[in-house]
Structures are given as C-alpha cells and as structure tokens.
Amino acid sequence: MADFENIKAGLSAERSFTVDERLTVSHLKRPVLGTPMMIGLMEIVCMDMVQPLLPPGYTTVGYEVHVKHKAVALLGAQLKVWGKVLEAEGRKLLCEVRVTEGAKTIGEGLHRRTIVPVFG
C-alpha cells in the first residue's frame, strides 16, 4: 500500500492564468470566463499542488465540487487561482479553492480529490 502521509492540511499553491478565448463562453455580448473553465483551473491547481508529493504511479482525480462563480472575468483578465488542502485522510483530500482578479473574488468554494493509481 502506498504512503500518502506527506500530503497534509495546510499545503497550498497558487498559479496565474490569463483569460483567453479557450476559457470563455460566447453566448454573451462579450466573452467572459465560463464557470466550467473556472472549475477546471481550480482542479488544475489542486492536482499540480499534490502531484510532486505522490509516489510514482499515482495521481489525483476530482470527484466533488462546491463553488460559487461570484463575479465576471473578461477576456484578458489576469487571474490568481489558489488552492489549499484543508483535510487529508488517506486517499481523500478536501481543498479550499479561490479565483481572484486583483482584490475581486471571481469564484470560491470547496473541491474534493482522491488519490488513484495511474493505469496505463
């Protein structure tokens, strides 16, 4: 059985992203960050945060998301996407997530991931 004890509550990471066309929805008058894409950025940060701490042959997958998309982010917006491990119990991780543009909170919430073997 693999050891995941080096992933602990308090671990955090932040990455910067620019809202480009791939991250927008186009059914509005101006392209804006889409909610599914925002959630994807949150997942990327959480995955990248713990991946270096996992034994070879393991990764994480998301299985639950509770977030609020609270404000608009226009095409070209410079975002900070932040994640923090709140709980690490065996293979199960609970992360707090947040997306900001300067002082404005674009989205925030909770995200759960589980550690799984990589099948190839």
Protein backbone atom coordinates (compact mmCIF):
# COMPACT_ATOMS: atom_id res chain seq x y z
CA MET A 1 0.00 0.00 0.00
CA ALA A 2 1.34 3.42 -0.95
CA ASP A 3 2.09 6.06 1.66
CA PHE A 4 0.36 9.42 1.26
CA GLU A 5 1.31 10.87 4.67
CA ASN A 6 3.42 13.67 3.19
CA ILE A 7 0.24 15.39 1.94
CA LYS A 8 -1.03 17.36 4.92
CA ALA A 9 -3.60 20.02 5.76
CA GLY A 10 -2.14 23.47 5.18
CA LEU A 11 -0.39 22.66 1.90
CA SER A 12 -1.23 25.43 -0.59
CA ALA A 13 -0.40 26.59 -4.10
CA GLU A 14 -1.20 29.47 -6.42
CA ARG A 15 -0.91 29.88 -10.17
CA SER A 16 -1.57 32.74 -12.54
CA PHE A 17 -3.73 32.42 -15.64
CA THR A 18 -4.86 34.85 -18.31
CA VAL A 19 -8.44 34.53 -19.55
CA ASP A 20 -8.06 33.65 -23.22
CA GLU A 21 -10.63 32.50 -25.80
CA ARG A 22 -10.40 28.85 -24.65
CA LEU A 23 -11.62 29.84 -21.18
CA THR A 24 -14.60 31.94 -22.29
CA VAL A 25 -18.24 31.43 -23.15
CA SER A 26 -19.51 33.28 -26.17
CA HIS A 27 -23.28 33.45 -25.73
CA LEU A 28 -22.99 36.88 -24.07
CA LYS A 29 -22.23 40.18 -25.77
CA ARG A 30 -18.61 39.99 -24.53
CA PRO A 31 -16.54 36.84 -23.94
CA VAL A 32 -16.21 36.08 -20.23
CA LEU A 33 -14.68 33.31 -18.11
CA GLY A 34 -17.03 30.33 -18.14
CA THR A 35 -17.94 28.55 -14.93
CA PRO A 36 -16.81 25.10 -16.17
CA MET A 37 -13.48 26.57 -17.21
CA MET A 38 -13.06 28.32 -13.85
CA ILE A 39 -13.65 25.00 -12.10
CA GLY A 40 -11.11 23.38 -14.42
CA LEU A 41 -8.47 25.94 -13.36
CA MET A 42 -9.24 25.20 -9.70
CA GLU A 43 -8.80 21.48 -10.36
CA ILE A 44 -5.50 22.02 -12.20
CA VAL A 45 -4.05 23.96 -9.27
CA CYS A 46 -5.14 21.33 -6.74
CA MET A 47 -3.79 18.48 -8.87
CA ASP A 48 -0.47 20.21 -9.50
CA MET A 49 -0.16 21.09 -5.81
CA VAL A 50 -0.08 17.48 -4.63
CA GLN A 51 1.33 15.61 -7.65
CA PRO A 52 5.02 16.12 -6.69
CA LEU A 53 4.31 14.60 -3.27
CA LEU A 54 2.75 11.40 -4.59
CA PRO A 55 4.66 8.16 -5.06
CA PRO A 56 5.42 7.16 -8.66
CA GLY A 57 2.39 5.68 -10.39
CA TYR A 58 -0.21 7.77 -8.57
CA THR A 59 -2.22 10.88 -9.36
CA THR A 60 -5.39 12.57 -8.14
CA VAL A 61 -8.82 12.94 -9.69
CA GLY A 62 -11.56 15.33 -8.71
CA TYR A 63 -14.90 13.90 -7.65
CA GLU A 64 -16.83 16.73 -5.98
CA VAL A 65 -17.02 20.48 -6.45
CA HIS A 66 -18.98 23.09 -4.47
CA VAL A 67 -18.11 26.52 -5.81
CA LYS A 68 -19.80 29.84 -6.43
CA HIS A 69 -18.97 31.88 -9.52
CA LYS A 70 -19.31 35.30 -7.91
CA ALA A 71 -18.07 37.86 -10.45
CA VAL A 72 -17.29 38.30 -14.12
CA ALA A 73 -13.77 37.98 -15.53
CA LEU A 74 -13.42 39.43 -19.02
CA LEU A 75 -11.22 38.24 -21.85
CA GLY A 76 -7.63 39.18 -20.98
CA ALA A 77 -8.19 39.24 -17.21
CA GLN A 78 -5.18 38.24 -15.10
CA LEU A 79 -6.32 35.63 -12.57
CA LYS A 80 -4.76 34.11 -9.48
CA VAL A 81 -6.02 30.61 -8.78
CA TRP A 82 -5.33 29.36 -5.28
CA GLY A 83 -5.86 26.01 -3.58
CA LYS A 84 -5.25 24.78 -0.05
CA VAL A 85 -5.57 21.31 1.46
CA LEU A 86 -7.99 21.51 4.38
CA GLU A 87 -8.16 17.78 5.08
CA ALA A 88 -6.01 14.83 4.00
CA GLU A 89 -7.38 11.49 5.16
CA GLY A 90 -5.81 8.50 3.44
CA ARG A 91 -6.55 8.87 -0.26
CA LYS A 92 -9.20 11.59 0.22
CA LEU A 93 -8.37 15.30 0.01
CA LEU A 94 -10.58 18.31 0.72
CA CYS A 95 -9.33 21.57 -0.77
CA GLU A 96 -10.42 25.17 -0.41
CA VAL A 97 -10.25 26.94 -3.79
CA ARG A 98 -10.38 30.57 -4.88
CA VAL A 99 -10.02 32.57 -8.09
CA THR A 100 -9.29 36.29 -7.88
CA GLU A 101 -8.62 39.18 -10.22
CA GLY A 102 -6.76 41.71 -8.12
CA ALA A 103 -8.87 42.27 -4.99
CA LYS A 104 -12.04 40.92 -6.66
CA THR A 105 -13.11 37.35 -5.89
CA ILE A 106 -14.26 35.67 -9.09
CA GLY A 107 -15.07 32.29 -7.56
CA GLU A 108 -14.54 30.28 -4.39
CA GLY A 109 -15.55 27.08 -2.71
CA LEU A 110 -14.52 23.53 -1.91
CA HIS A 111 -13.15 20.74 -4.07
CA ARG A 112 -12.60 17.07 -3.22
CA ARG A 113 -9.98 14.87 -4.86
CA THR A 114 -8.91 11.28 -4.35
CA ILE A 115 -5.55 9.64 -4.93
CA VAL A 116 -5.65 6.85 -7.51
CA PRO A 117 -3.12 4.64 -9.29
CA VAL A 118 -2.34 5.63 -12.87
CA PHE A 119 -3.45 2.97 -15.29
CA GLY A 120 -1.51 2.72 -18.50
